[in-house]
């Protein structure tokens, strides 16, 4: 499948509050119900970006790999390819998802002074940093190495939203240098493991980040969010948002690489407002021939995928498409207009449950 043909959803199970929680208490049956439900509402859904947990793998590798393999089979039974998300660098103080903190990439960092990255310590071993690097390697060997030629895997997303700080624009920042080096290490390890699927990195909306991660991306991935409710952000204005998408496409064309929006459509607690944001965002992408993986399929206890009764709700609001009772959020069958297989089935199920 080519990137322009991707029509998908990000997926986190409904039962957990974080990546570690989801995977430590994995519910295969619930996942099967949620994926089947999503495919019935959205028959054109063909790629899932599935968020993993390296921390859960560290605690129980065999169980994690068994759950991962079983999940790939669920998606495959509905003709959905999977883009597993290996690491996460987006951190949210309102409702944290978990992931890799900077001090795991830069052990013992004192950001007021010169810092050494993980691989400085690996090259000059001391026990703890070398152990961190070894744990990362074991995870990549276990997951990517085991499934390196698995046709159920569309691509590997190495990391979600790295470089998310002002340091991204500072070429002299040792923090930026360390994080880029870590991403390059992840890319090289996966290639050395024989990964036949393409590798990419899901970038937050920043042109510098997109360029910095391009050498570690077989195709470029970006997160075009029209942040309609954040007046302080230029991407809250349609001309600036459309200009940003155009600039990302120009970078991809310059580098001769495909471009995928593997996370998109900002949220709202109001169903009609969220549908309006979806129609506008996917319309901009569709006009330009850019494939997309909307965030996210199902109501969940993780950040930004639930209403206030289930936990704190931050600025992004509610990004999920399916309610906790299994019904579709009002009007959200509009996704099918952009998925290439809009039809009576999605319309009929718009108010149903399973």
C-alpha atoms as a PDB file:
ATOM      1  CA  UNK A   1       0.000   0.000   0.000  1.00  0.00           C
ATOM      2  CA  UNK A   2       1.192   3.508  -0.851  1.00  0.00           C
ATOM      3  CA  UNK A   3       1.057   6.359   1.647  1.00  0.00           C
ATOM      4  CA  UNK A   4      -1.535   8.359  -0.371  1.00  0.00           C
ATOM      5  CA  UNK A   5      -3.905   5.383  -0.096  1.00  0.00           C
ATOM      6  CA  UNK A   6      -3.818   5.181   3.700  1.00  0.00           C
ATOM      7  CA  UNK A   7      -7.135   5.817   5.460  1.00  0.00           C
ATOM      8  CA  UNK A   8      -6.785   4.951   9.083  1.00  0.00           C
ATOM      9  CA  UNK A   9      -7.134   5.418  12.796  1.00  0.00           C
ATOM     10  CA  UNK A  10      -4.783   5.488  15.720  1.00  0.00           C
ATOM     11  CA  UNK A  11      -5.740   2.884  18.294  1.00  0.00           C
ATOM     12  CA  UNK A  12      -5.431   2.694  22.085  1.00  0.00           C
ATOM     13  CA  UNK A  13      -7.642   0.290  23.989  1.00  0.00           C
ATOM     14  CA  UNK A  14     -10.452   1.674  26.117  1.00  0.00           C
ATOM     15  CA  UNK A  15      -9.461  -0.052  29.353  1.00  0.00           C
ATOM     16  CA  UNK A  16      -6.228   1.708  30.352  1.00  0.00           C
ATOM     17  CA  UNK A  17      -5.008   5.141  31.429  1.00  0.00           C
ATOM     18  CA  UNK A  18      -1.504   4.934  29.923  1.00  0.00           C
ATOM     19  CA  UNK A  19       0.599   2.797  27.609  1.00  0.00           C
ATOM     20  CA  UNK A  20       1.974   0.761  30.509  1.00  0.00           C
ATOM     21  CA  UNK A  21      -1.478   0.274  31.995  1.00  0.00           C
ATOM     22  CA  UNK A  22      -2.963  -0.828  28.654  1.00  0.00           C
ATOM     23  CA  UNK A  23      -0.282  -3.406  27.981  1.00  0.00           C
ATOM     24  CA  UNK A  24       0.153  -4.712  31.520  1.00  0.00           C
ATOM     25  CA  UNK A  25      -3.598  -5.377  31.642  1.00  0.00           C
ATOM     26  CA  UNK A  26      -4.150  -6.170  27.977  1.00  0.00           C
ATOM     27  CA  UNK A  27      -7.720  -7.198  27.120  1.00  0.00           C
ATOM     28  CA  UNK A  28      -7.694  -9.195  23.900  1.00  0.00           C
ATOM     29  CA  UNK A  29     -11.454  -9.709  23.834  1.00  0.00           C
ATOM     30  CA  UNK A  30     -12.236  -6.029  24.331  1.00  0.00           C
ATOM     31  CA  UNK A  31      -9.751  -5.109  21.633  1.00  0.00           C
ATOM     32  CA  UNK A  32     -11.392  -7.550  19.203  1.00  0.00           C
ATOM     33  CA  UNK A  33     -14.791  -5.957  19.857  1.00  0.00           C
ATOM     34  CA  UNK A  34     -13.472  -2.409  19.418  1.00  0.00           C
ATOM     35  CA  UNK A  35     -11.639  -3.147  16.165  1.00  0.00           C
ATOM     36  CA  UNK A  36     -14.650  -4.977  14.711  1.00  0.00           C
ATOM     37  CA  UNK A  37     -16.871  -2.093  15.763  1.00  0.00           C
ATOM     38  CA  UNK A  38     -14.572   0.411  14.066  1.00  0.00           C
ATOM     39  CA  UNK A  39     -14.422  -1.565  10.846  1.00  0.00           C
ATOM     40  CA  UNK A  40     -18.213  -1.766  10.683  1.00  0.00           C
ATOM     41  CA  UNK A  41     -18.597   1.976  11.148  1.00  0.00           C
ATOM     42  CA  UNK A  42     -15.697   2.762   8.815  1.00  0.00           C
ATOM     43  CA  UNK A  43     -15.413   0.041   6.147  1.00  0.00           C
ATOM     44  CA  UNK A  44     -12.661   1.947   4.305  1.00  0.00           C
ATOM     45  CA  UNK A  45     -10.327   1.806   7.330  1.00  0.00           C
ATOM     46  CA  UNK A  46      -7.128   0.136   6.080  1.00  0.00           C
ATOM     47  CA  UNK A  47      -4.262   1.123   8.451  1.00  0.00           C
ATOM     48  CA  UNK A  48      -4.070   1.288  12.242  1.00  0.00           C
ATOM     49  CA  UNK A  49      -1.353   3.116  14.137  1.00  0.00           C
ATOM     50  CA  UNK A  50      -1.200   0.997  17.293  1.00  0.00           C
ATOM     51  CA  UNK A  51       0.560   2.463  20.326  1.00  0.00           C
ATOM     52  CA  UNK A  52       2.927   0.056  22.129  1.00  0.00           C
ATOM     53  CA  UNK A  53       4.749   0.176  25.489  1.00  0.00           C
ATOM     54  CA  UNK A  54       8.458  -0.541  25.758  1.00  0.00           C
ATOM     55  CA  UNK A  55       8.059  -0.450  29.546  1.00  0.00           C
ATOM     56  CA  UNK A  56       5.561  -3.303  29.478  1.00  0.00           C
ATOM     57  CA  UNK A  57       7.860  -5.330  27.218  1.00  0.00           C
ATOM     58  CA  UNK A  58      10.662  -4.907  29.766  1.00  0.00           C
ATOM     59  CA  UNK A  59       8.482  -6.419  32.478  1.00  0.00           C
ATOM     60  CA  UNK A  60       7.111  -9.421  30.572  1.00  0.00           C
ATOM     61  CA  UNK A  61       8.614  -9.845  27.084  1.00  0.00           C
ATOM     62  CA  UNK A  62       6.985 -13.172  26.184  1.00  0.00           C
ATOM     63  CA  UNK A  63       3.524 -12.031  27.243  1.00  0.00           C
ATOM     64  CA  UNK A  64       3.914  -8.725  25.413  1.00  0.00           C
ATOM     65  CA  UNK A  65       4.956 -10.420  22.173  1.00  0.00           C
ATOM     66  CA  UNK A  66       2.076 -12.887  22.409  1.00  0.00           C
ATOM     67  CA  UNK A  67      -0.412 -10.052  22.906  1.00  0.00           C
ATOM     68  CA  UNK A  68       1.150  -8.093  20.064  1.00  0.00           C
ATOM     69  CA  UNK A  69       0.987 -11.052  17.673  1.00  0.00           C
ATOM     70  CA  UNK A  70      -2.628 -11.735  18.608  1.00  0.00           C
ATOM     71  CA  UNK A  71      -3.491  -8.068  18.041  1.00  0.00           C
ATOM     72  CA  UNK A  72      -1.923  -8.107  14.588  1.00  0.00           C
ATOM     73  CA  UNK A  73      -4.193 -11.041  13.786  1.00  0.00           C
ATOM     74  CA  UNK A  74      -7.275  -9.107  14.907  1.00  0.00           C
ATOM     75  CA  UNK A  75      -6.433  -6.258  12.573  1.00  0.00           C
ATOM     76  CA  UNK A  76      -5.574  -8.662   9.733  1.00  0.00           C
ATOM     77  CA  UNK A  77      -8.952 -10.386  10.065  1.00  0.00           C
ATOM     78  CA  UNK A  78     -10.506  -7.037   9.081  1.00  0.00           C
ATOM     79  CA  UNK A  79      -7.999  -6.306   6.262  1.00  0.00           C
ATOM     80  CA  UNK A  80      -6.300  -3.602   8.332  1.00  0.00           C
ATOM     81  CA  UNK A  81      -2.531  -3.229   8.171  1.00  0.00           C
ATOM     82  CA  UNK A  82      -0.716  -2.039  11.285  1.00  0.00           C
ATOM     83  CA  UNK A  83       1.800   0.711  11.937  1.00  0.00           C
ATOM     84  CA  UNK A  84       3.123  -0.153  15.402  1.00  0.00           C
ATOM     85  CA  UNK A  85       4.337   2.872  17.356  1.00  0.00           C
ATOM     86  CA  UNK A  86       7.468   1.791  19.213  1.00  0.00           C
ATOM     87  CA  UNK A  87       8.388   4.749  21.438  1.00  0.00           C
ATOM     88  CA  UNK A  88       6.615   7.900  22.627  1.00  0.00           C
ATOM     89  CA  UNK A  89       8.190  11.269  23.460  1.00  0.00           C
ATOM     90  CA  UNK A  90       4.970  13.323  23.842  1.00  0.00           C
ATOM     91  CA  UNK A  91       4.356  13.928  27.532  1.00  0.00           C
ATOM     92  CA  UNK A  92       1.190  15.481  28.922  1.00  0.00           C
ATOM     93  CA  UNK A  93       0.990  16.776  32.512  1.00  0.00           C
ATOM     94  CA  UNK A  94      -2.825  16.837  32.325  1.00  0.00           C
ATOM     95  CA  UNK A  95      -3.145  13.090  31.690  1.00  0.00           C
ATOM     96  CA  UNK A  96       0.242  11.570  30.914  1.00  0.00           C
ATOM     97  CA  UNK A  97       0.415   8.652  28.492  1.00  0.00           C
ATOM     98  CA  UNK A  98       3.948   7.666  29.445  1.00  0.00           C
ATOM     99  CA  UNK A  99       6.971   7.160  27.261  1.00  0.00           C
ATOM    100  CA  UNK A 100      10.674   7.917  27.098  1.00  0.00           C
ATOM    101  CA  UNK A 101      11.763  10.854  29.296  1.00  0.00           C
ATOM    102  CA  UNK A 102      14.802  12.873  28.304  1.00  0.00           C
ATOM    103  CA  UNK A 103      16.833  11.590  31.225  1.00  0.00           C
ATOM    104  CA  UNK A 104      16.649   8.092  29.720  1.00  0.00           C
ATOM    105  CA  UNK A 105      18.225   9.461  26.544  1.00  0.00           C
ATOM    106  CA  UNK A 106      20.566  11.760  28.464  1.00  0.00           C
ATOM    107  CA  UNK A 107      21.259   9.956  31.776  1.00  0.00           C
ATOM    108  CA  UNK A 108      22.154  12.231  34.653  1.00  0.00           C
ATOM    109  CA  UNK A 109      21.661  15.335  32.548  1.00  0.00           C
ATOM    110  CA  UNK A 110      22.063  18.744  34.119  1.00  0.00           C
ATOM    111  CA  UNK A 111      20.439  20.933  31.506  1.00  0.00           C
ATOM    112  CA  UNK A 112      22.063  24.084  32.862  1.00  0.00           C
ATOM    113  CA  UNK A 113      25.478  22.749  31.859  1.00  0.00           C
ATOM    114  CA  UNK A 114      27.026  20.615  29.153  1.00  0.00           C
ATOM    115  CA  UNK A 115      25.267  17.263  28.853  1.00  0.00           C
ATOM    116  CA  UNK A 116      26.382  13.900  27.555  1.00  0.00           C
ATOM    117  CA  UNK A 117      23.917  11.689  25.721  1.00  0.00           C
ATOM    118  CA  UNK A 118      23.182   8.025  26.293  1.00  0.00           C
ATOM    119  CA  UNK A 119      25.794   6.872  23.819  1.00  0.00           C
ATOM    120  CA  UNK A 120      28.584   8.878  25.401  1.00  0.00           C
ATOM    121  CA  UNK A 121      28.031   6.733  28.460  1.00  0.00           C
ATOM    122  CA  UNK A 122      27.698   3.568  26.410  1.00  0.00           C
ATOM    123  CA  UNK A 123      31.007   4.335  24.731  1.00  0.00           C
ATOM    124  CA  UNK A 124      32.508   4.996  28.178  1.00  0.00           C
ATOM    125  CA  UNK A 125      30.526   2.467  30.187  1.00  0.00           C
ATOM    126  CA  UNK A 126      28.975   3.039  33.543  1.00  0.00           C
ATOM    127  CA  UNK A 127      26.349   0.557  34.656  1.00  0.00           C
ATOM    128  CA  UNK A 128      23.052   2.425  34.541  1.00  0.00           C
ATOM    129  CA  UNK A 129      23.226   4.179  31.137  1.00  0.00           C
ATOM    130  CA  UNK A 130      24.573   1.014  29.505  1.00  0.00           C
ATOM    131  CA  UNK A 131      21.639  -0.884  31.002  1.00  0.00           C
ATOM    132  CA  UNK A 132      19.166   1.647  29.561  1.00  0.00           C
ATOM    133  CA  UNK A 133      20.647   1.228  26.085  1.00  0.00           C
ATOM    134  CA  UNK A 134      20.539  -2.553  26.483  1.00  0.00           C
ATOM    135  CA  UNK A 135      16.849  -2.437  27.449  1.00  0.00           C
ATOM    136  CA  UNK A 136      16.026  -0.354  24.377  1.00  0.00           C
ATOM    137  CA  UNK A 137      17.924  -2.835  22.201  1.00  0.00           C
ATOM    138  CA  UNK A 138      16.183  -5.854  23.715  1.00  0.00           C
ATOM    139  CA  UNK A 139      12.813  -4.244  23.001  1.00  0.00           C
ATOM    140  CA  UNK A 140      13.671  -3.531  19.363  1.00  0.00           C
ATOM    141  CA  UNK A 141      15.118  -7.005  18.911  1.00  0.00           C
ATOM    142  CA  UNK A 142      12.036  -8.595  20.464  1.00  0.00           C
ATOM    143  CA  UNK A 143       9.414  -6.621  18.544  1.00  0.00           C
ATOM    144  CA  UNK A 144      10.970  -5.480  15.266  1.00  0.00           C
ATOM    145  CA  UNK A 145      13.333  -8.439  15.030  1.00  0.00           C
ATOM    146  CA  UNK A 146      10.555 -10.972  15.529  1.00  0.00           C
ATOM    147  CA  UNK A 147       8.179  -9.331  13.052  1.00  0.00           C
ATOM    148  CA  UNK A 148      10.747  -7.922  10.611  1.00  0.00           C
ATOM    149  CA  UNK A 149       9.124  -9.483   7.560  1.00  0.00           C
ATOM    150  CA  UNK A 150       5.549  -9.785   8.815  1.00  0.00           C
ATOM    151  CA  UNK A 151       3.159  -8.684   6.092  1.00  0.00           C
ATOM    152  CA  UNK A 152       0.593  -7.561   8.659  1.00  0.00           C
ATOM    153  CA  UNK A 153       2.925  -4.652   9.498  1.00  0.00           C
ATOM    154  CA  UNK A 154       2.594  -1.698   7.129  1.00  0.00           C
ATOM    155  CA  UNK A 155       5.480   0.295   8.655  1.00  0.00           C
ATOM    156  CA  UNK A 156       7.209   0.907  11.979  1.00  0.00           C
ATOM    157  CA  UNK A 157       6.805   4.317  13.609  1.00  0.00           C
ATOM    158  CA  UNK A 158      10.004   4.627  15.619  1.00  0.00           C
ATOM    159  CA  UNK A 159       8.856   7.446  17.866  1.00  0.00           C
ATOM    160  CA  UNK A 160       5.879   9.691  18.429  1.00  0.00           C
ATOM    161  CA  UNK A 161       6.604  13.432  18.537  1.00  0.00           C
ATOM    162  CA  UNK A 162      10.280  13.649  19.494  1.00  0.00           C
ATOM    163  CA  UNK A 163      12.128  16.966  19.748  1.00  0.00           C
ATOM    164  CA  UNK A 164       9.086  18.714  21.206  1.00  0.00           C
ATOM    165  CA  UNK A 165      10.732  21.667  22.879  1.00  0.00           C
ATOM    166  CA  UNK A 166      12.308  24.997  22.042  1.00  0.00           C
ATOM    167  CA  UNK A 167      15.647  23.211  21.701  1.00  0.00           C
ATOM    168  CA  UNK A 168      14.450  21.808  18.356  1.00  0.00           C
ATOM    169  CA  UNK A 169      15.335  25.150  16.739  1.00  0.00           C
ATOM    170  CA  UNK A 170      18.796  25.385  18.326  1.00  0.00           C
ATOM    171  CA  UNK A 171      21.455  23.538  16.273  1.00  0.00           C
ATOM    172  CA  UNK A 172      23.914  23.923  19.141  1.00  0.00           C
ATOM    173  CA  UNK A 173      21.610  22.368  21.718  1.00  0.00           C
ATOM    174  CA  UNK A 174      23.186  19.229  23.193  1.00  0.00           C
ATOM    175  CA  UNK A 175      19.674  18.037  24.020  1.00  0.00           C
ATOM    176  CA  UNK A 176      18.659  18.218  20.360  1.00  0.00           C
ATOM    177  CA  UNK A 177      21.883  16.522  19.311  1.00  0.00           C
ATOM    178  CA  UNK A 178      21.365  13.738  21.841  1.00  0.00           C
ATOM    179  CA  UNK A 179      17.769  13.074  20.835  1.00  0.00           C
ATOM    180  CA  UNK A 180      18.613  13.015  17.122  1.00  0.00           C
ATOM    181  CA  UNK A 181      21.461  10.599  17.838  1.00  0.00           C
ATOM    182  CA  UNK A 182      19.109   8.329  19.784  1.00  0.00           C
ATOM    183  CA  UNK A 183      16.580   8.333  16.916  1.00  0.00           C
ATOM    184  CA  UNK A 184      19.332   7.503  14.436  1.00  0.00           C
ATOM    185  CA  UNK A 185      20.440   4.656  16.701  1.00  0.00           C
ATOM    186  CA  UNK A 186      16.869   3.293  16.772  1.00  0.00           C
ATOM    187  CA  UNK A 187      16.701   3.484  12.984  1.00  0.00           C
ATOM    188  CA  UNK A 188      20.048   1.736  12.519  1.00  0.00           C
ATOM    189  CA  UNK A 189      19.177  -1.044  14.981  1.00  0.00           C
ATOM    190  CA  UNK A 190      15.872  -1.739  13.204  1.00  0.00           C
ATOM    191  CA  UNK A 191      17.598  -1.854   9.830  1.00  0.00           C
ATOM    192  CA  UNK A 192      20.262  -4.184  11.241  1.00  0.00           C
ATOM    193  CA  UNK A 193      17.482  -6.486  12.463  1.00  0.00           C
ATOM    194  CA  UNK A 194      16.348  -6.895   8.871  1.00  0.00           C
ATOM    195  CA  UNK A 195      13.133  -4.855   8.987  1.00  0.00           C
ATOM    196  CA  UNK A 196      11.628  -5.156   5.522  1.00  0.00           C
ATOM    197  CA  UNK A 197       8.845  -2.689   6.293  1.00  0.00           C
ATOM    198  CA  UNK A 198       9.572   1.044   5.992  1.00  0.00           C
ATOM    199  CA  UNK A 199      10.547   3.035   9.077  1.00  0.00           C
ATOM    200  CA  UNK A 200       9.209   6.491   9.904  1.00  0.00           C
ATOM    201  CA  UNK A 201       8.906   8.991  12.771  1.00  0.00           C
ATOM    202  CA  UNK A 202       5.630  10.714  13.695  1.00  0.00           C
ATOM    203  CA  UNK A 203       6.473  14.409  14.028  1.00  0.00           C
ATOM    204  CA  UNK A 204       4.613  17.081  15.943  1.00  0.00           C
ATOM    205  CA  UNK A 205       3.692  20.119  13.797  1.00  0.00           C
ATOM    206  CA  UNK A 206       7.157  21.583  13.263  1.00  0.00           C
ATOM    207  CA  UNK A 207       9.094  21.922  10.013  1.00  0.00           C
ATOM    208  CA  UNK A 208      12.490  21.679  11.699  1.00  0.00           C
ATOM    209  CA  UNK A 209      11.539  18.412  13.388  1.00  0.00           C
ATOM    210  CA  UNK A 210      10.344  17.038  10.043  1.00  0.00           C
ATOM    211  CA  UNK A 211      13.686  17.866   8.421  1.00  0.00           C
ATOM    212  CA  UNK A 212      15.757  16.559  11.341  1.00  0.00           C
ATOM    213  CA  UNK A 213      14.011  13.190  11.318  1.00  0.00           C
ATOM    214  CA  UNK A 214      13.941  12.811   7.532  1.00  0.00           C
ATOM    215  CA  UNK A 215      17.224  10.816   7.414  1.00  0.00           C
ATOM    216  CA  UNK A 216      15.637   8.288   9.797  1.00  0.00           C
ATOM    217  CA  UNK A 217      12.386   8.070   7.837  1.00  0.00           C
ATOM    218  CA  UNK A 218      11.819   5.985   4.734  1.00  0.00           C
ATOM    219  CA  UNK A 219       8.705   8.120   4.290  1.00  0.00           C
ATOM    220  CA  UNK A 220       7.891  11.291   6.203  1.00  0.00           C
ATOM    221  CA  UNK A 221       5.171  11.364   8.852  1.00  0.00           C
ATOM    222  CA  UNK A 222       3.667  14.526  10.319  1.00  0.00           C
ATOM    223  CA  UNK A 223       0.774  15.556  12.561  1.00  0.00           C
ATOM    224  CA  UNK A 224      -1.271  18.260  10.850  1.00  0.00           C
ATOM    225  CA  UNK A 225      -3.564  19.482  13.604  1.00  0.00           C
ATOM    226  CA  UNK A 226      -5.823  22.431  12.892  1.00  0.00           C
ATOM    227  CA  UNK A 227      -5.785  23.668  16.502  1.00  0.00           C
ATOM    228  CA  UNK A 228      -8.933  25.739  16.174  1.00  0.00           C
ATOM    229  CA  UNK A 229      -9.320  26.489  19.918  1.00  0.00           C
ATOM    230  CA  UNK A 230      -5.751  27.646  20.652  1.00  0.00           C
ATOM    231  CA  UNK A 231      -5.597  31.297  19.602  1.00  0.00           C
ATOM    232  CA  UNK A 232      -1.922  31.532  20.592  1.00  0.00           C
ATOM    233  CA  UNK A 233      -0.992  28.906  17.968  1.00  0.00           C
ATOM    234  CA  UNK A 234      -0.650  29.919  14.288  1.00  0.00           C
ATOM    235  CA  UNK A 235      -2.217  26.580  13.351  1.00  0.00           C
ATOM    236  CA  UNK A 236      -5.509  27.826  14.798  1.00  0.00           C
ATOM    237  CA  UNK A 237      -5.894  29.906  11.626  1.00  0.00           C
ATOM    238  CA  UNK A 238      -6.814  28.202   8.368  1.00  0.00           C
ATOM    239  CA  UNK A 239      -4.371  30.056   6.068  1.00  0.00           C
ATOM    240  CA  UNK A 240      -1.444  29.224   8.360  1.00  0.00           C
ATOM    241  CA  UNK A 241      -2.587  25.624   8.738  1.00  0.00           C
ATOM    242  CA  UNK A 242      -2.871  25.163   4.992  1.00  0.00           C
ATOM    243  CA  UNK A 243       0.501  26.840   4.523  1.00  0.00           C
ATOM    244  CA  UNK A 244       2.054  24.437   7.031  1.00  0.00           C
ATOM    245  CA  UNK A 245       0.649  21.400   5.203  1.00  0.00           C
ATOM    246  CA  UNK A 246       1.936  22.796   1.921  1.00  0.00           C
ATOM    247  CA  UNK A 247       5.412  23.350   3.393  1.00  0.00           C
ATOM    248  CA  UNK A 248       5.545  19.767   4.678  1.00  0.00           C
ATOM    249  CA  UNK A 249       4.549  18.492   1.258  1.00  0.00           C
ATOM    250  CA  UNK A 250       7.247  20.638  -0.347  1.00  0.00           C
ATOM    251  CA  UNK A 251       9.900  19.145   1.982  1.00  0.00           C
ATOM    252  CA  UNK A 252       8.763  15.632   1.071  1.00  0.00           C
ATOM    253  CA  UNK A 253       8.886  16.425  -2.637  1.00  0.00           C
ATOM    254  CA  UNK A 254      12.328  18.003  -2.263  1.00  0.00           C
ATOM    255  CA  UNK A 255      13.621  14.848  -0.556  1.00  0.00           C
ATOM    256  CA  UNK A 256      11.834  12.474  -2.914  1.00  0.00           C
ATOM    257  CA  UNK A 257       9.867  10.802  -0.117  1.00  0.00           C
ATOM    258  CA  UNK A 258       6.211  10.065   0.454  1.00  0.00           C
ATOM    259  CA  UNK A 259       4.322  12.000   3.130  1.00  0.00           C
ATOM    260  CA  UNK A 260       1.755  10.599   5.565  1.00  0.00           C
ATOM    261  CA  UNK A 261      -0.382  12.366   8.162  1.00  0.00           C
ATOM    262  CA  UNK A 262      -0.189   9.564  10.725  1.00  0.00           C
ATOM    263  CA  UNK A 263      -1.939  11.583  13.425  1.00  0.00           C
ATOM    264  CA  UNK A 264      -4.516  14.283  12.723  1.00  0.00           C
ATOM    265  CA  UNK A 265      -7.926  15.891  13.474  1.00  0.00           C
ATOM    266  CA  UNK A 266      -7.942  18.070  16.609  1.00  0.00           C
ATOM    267  CA  UNK A 267     -10.637  17.393  19.165  1.00  0.00           C
ATOM    268  CA  UNK A 268     -13.715  18.934  20.693  1.00  0.00           C
ATOM    269  CA  UNK A 269     -16.139  17.926  23.412  1.00  0.00           C
ATOM    270  CA  UNK A 270     -18.953  18.990  21.081  1.00  0.00           C
ATOM    271  CA  UNK A 271     -19.783  16.358  18.452  1.00  0.00           C
ATOM    272  CA  UNK A 272     -20.842  18.780  15.724  1.00  0.00           C
ATOM    273  CA  UNK A 273     -17.775  20.942  16.235  1.00  0.00           C
ATOM    274  CA  UNK A 274     -15.504  17.897  16.047  1.00  0.00           C
ATOM    275  CA  UNK A 275     -17.155  16.827  12.788  1.00  0.00           C
ATOM    276  CA  UNK A 276     -16.574  20.307  11.370  1.00  0.00           C
ATOM    277  CA  UNK A 277     -12.887  20.128  12.310  1.00  0.00           C
ATOM    278  CA  UNK A 278     -12.662  16.649  10.764  1.00  0.00           C
ATOM    279  CA  UNK A 279     -14.283  17.721   7.497  1.00  0.00           C
ATOM    280  CA  UNK A 280     -11.984  20.709   7.160  1.00  0.00           C
ATOM    281  CA  UNK A 281      -8.771  18.874   8.102  1.00  0.00           C
ATOM    282  CA  UNK A 282      -9.355  15.788   5.971  1.00  0.00           C
ATOM    283  CA  UNK A 283     -10.520  17.992   3.133  1.00  0.00           C
ATOM    284  CA  UNK A 284      -7.205  19.858   3.142  1.00  0.00           C
ATOM    285  CA  UNK A 285      -5.281  16.570   3.156  1.00  0.00           C
ATOM    286  CA  UNK A 286      -7.450  14.895   0.519  1.00  0.00           C
ATOM    287  CA  UNK A 287      -7.093  17.872  -1.831  1.00  0.00           C
ATOM    288  CA  UNK A 288      -3.337  17.386  -1.708  1.00  0.00           C
ATOM    289  CA  UNK A 289      -3.397  13.596  -2.036  1.00  0.00           C
ATOM    290  CA  UNK A 290      -2.006  13.025   1.469  1.00  0.00           C
ATOM    291  CA  UNK A 291      -2.990   9.827   3.260  1.00  0.00           C
ATOM    292  CA  UNK A 292      -4.107  10.091   6.876  1.00  0.00           C
ATOM    293  CA  UNK A 293      -4.443   8.167  10.136  1.00  0.00           C
ATOM    294  CA  UNK A 294      -6.919  10.014  12.349  1.00  0.00           C
ATOM    295  CA  UNK A 295      -6.403  10.190  16.101  1.00  0.00           C
ATOM    296  CA  UNK A 296      -8.236   8.180  17.354  1.00  0.00           C
ATOM    297  CA  UNK A 297     -10.752   5.383  16.975  1.00  0.00           C
ATOM    298  CA  UNK A 298     -12.261   4.663  20.362  1.00  0.00           C
ATOM    299  CA  UNK A 299     -13.102   6.307  23.667  1.00  0.00           C
ATOM    300  CA  UNK A 300     -10.333   5.441  26.130  1.00  0.00           C
ATOM    301  CA  UNK A 301      -9.038   6.395  29.544  1.00  0.00           C
ATOM    302  CA  UNK A 302      -5.811   7.703  27.988  1.00  0.00           C
ATOM    303  CA  UNK A 303      -5.231  11.402  27.357  1.00  0.00           C
ATOM    304  CA  UNK A 304      -7.524  13.263  24.953  1.00  0.00           C
ATOM    305  CA  UNK A 305      -9.726  10.240  24.208  1.00  0.00           C
ATOM    306  CA  UNK A 306     -12.384  10.633  26.893  1.00  0.00           C
ATOM    307  CA  UNK A 307     -15.002  12.956  28.301  1.00  0.00           C
ATOM    308  CA  UNK A 308     -14.718  14.684  31.653  1.00  0.00           C
ATOM    309  CA  UNK A 309     -16.466  11.900  33.538  1.00  0.00           C
ATOM    310  CA  UNK A 310     -13.565   9.555  32.787  1.00  0.00           C
ATOM    311  CA  UNK A 311     -10.630  11.771  33.714  1.00  0.00           C
ATOM    312  CA  UNK A 312      -9.124  15.199  33.063  1.00  0.00           C
ATOM    313  CA  UNK A 313      -9.703  16.776  29.654  1.00  0.00           C
ATOM    314  CA  UNK A 314      -7.004  19.055  28.290  1.00  0.00           C
ATOM    315  CA  UNK A 315      -6.902  21.688  25.541  1.00  0.00           C
ATOM    316  CA  UNK A 316      -7.237  19.160  22.670  1.00  0.00           C
ATOM    317  CA  UNK A 317     -10.654  18.128  23.987  1.00  0.00           C
ATOM    318  CA  UNK A 318     -12.072  14.762  22.896  1.00  0.00           C
ATOM    319  CA  UNK A 319     -10.537  13.235  19.771  1.00  0.00           C
ATOM    320  CA  UNK A 320     -12.217   9.811  19.825  1.00  0.00           C
ATOM    321  CA  UNK A 321     -14.844   8.768  17.264  1.00  0.00           C
ATOM    322  CA  UNK A 322     -16.646   5.947  19.112  1.00  0.00           C
ATOM    323  CA  UNK A 323     -18.370   6.436  22.454  1.00  0.00           C
ATOM    324  CA  UNK A 324     -17.748   4.212  25.504  1.00  0.00           C
ATOM    325  CA  UNK A 325     -21.086   2.433  24.961  1.00  0.00           C
ATOM    326  CA  UNK A 326     -20.084   1.492  21.420  1.00  0.00           C
ATOM    327  CA  UNK A 327     -22.239   4.052  19.621  1.00  0.00           C
ATOM    328  CA  UNK A 328     -20.744   6.392  17.063  1.00  0.00           C
ATOM    329  CA  UNK A 329     -20.354  10.036  18.024  1.00  0.00           C
ATOM    330  CA  UNK A 330     -23.058  11.985  16.201  1.00  0.00           C
ATOM    331  CA  UNK A 331     -22.129  12.816  12.616  1.00  0.00           C
ATOM    332  CA  UNK A 332     -18.795  11.017  12.681  1.00  0.00           C
ATOM    333  CA  UNK A 333     -19.747   8.722   9.828  1.00  0.00           C
ATOM    334  CA  UNK A 334     -18.527  11.704   7.775  1.00  0.00           C
ATOM    335  CA  UNK A 335     -15.087  10.035   7.905  1.00  0.00           C
ATOM    336  CA  UNK A 336     -16.408   7.677   5.231  1.00  0.00           C
ATOM    337  CA  UNK A 337     -16.690  10.561   2.799  1.00  0.00           C
ATOM    338  CA  UNK A 338     -12.899  10.748   2.806  1.00  0.00           C
ATOM    339  CA  UNK A 339     -12.101   7.040   3.152  1.00  0.00           C
ATOM    340  CA  UNK A 340     -13.003   5.948  -0.364  1.00  0.00           C
ATOM    341  CA  UNK A 341     -15.628   3.438   0.727  1.00  0.00           C
ATOM    342  CA  UNK A 342     -18.437   5.595   2.088  1.00  0.00           C
ATOM    343  CA  UNK A 343     -21.636   3.669   1.906  1.00  0.00           C
ATOM    344  CA  UNK A 344     -24.902   2.608   3.403  1.00  0.00           C
ATOM    345  CA  UNK A 345     -23.268   0.393   6.034  1.00  0.00           C
ATOM    346  CA  UNK A 346     -21.519   3.260   7.789  1.00  0.00           C
ATOM    347  CA  UNK A 347     -24.652   5.381   7.602  1.00  0.00           C
ATOM    348  CA  UNK A 348     -26.890   2.640   8.988  1.00  0.00           C
ATOM    349  CA  UNK A 349     -24.600   1.975  11.924  1.00  0.00           C
ATOM    350  CA  UNK A 350     -24.194   5.612  12.872  1.00  0.00           C
ATOM    351  CA  UNK A 351     -26.496   5.301  15.869  1.00  0.00           C
ATOM    352  CA  UNK A 352     -26.016   1.608  16.635  1.00  0.00           C
ATOM    353  CA  UNK A 353     -24.158  -0.404  19.246  1.00  0.00           C
ATOM    354  CA  UNK A 354     -22.311  -3.686  19.333  1.00  0.00           C
END
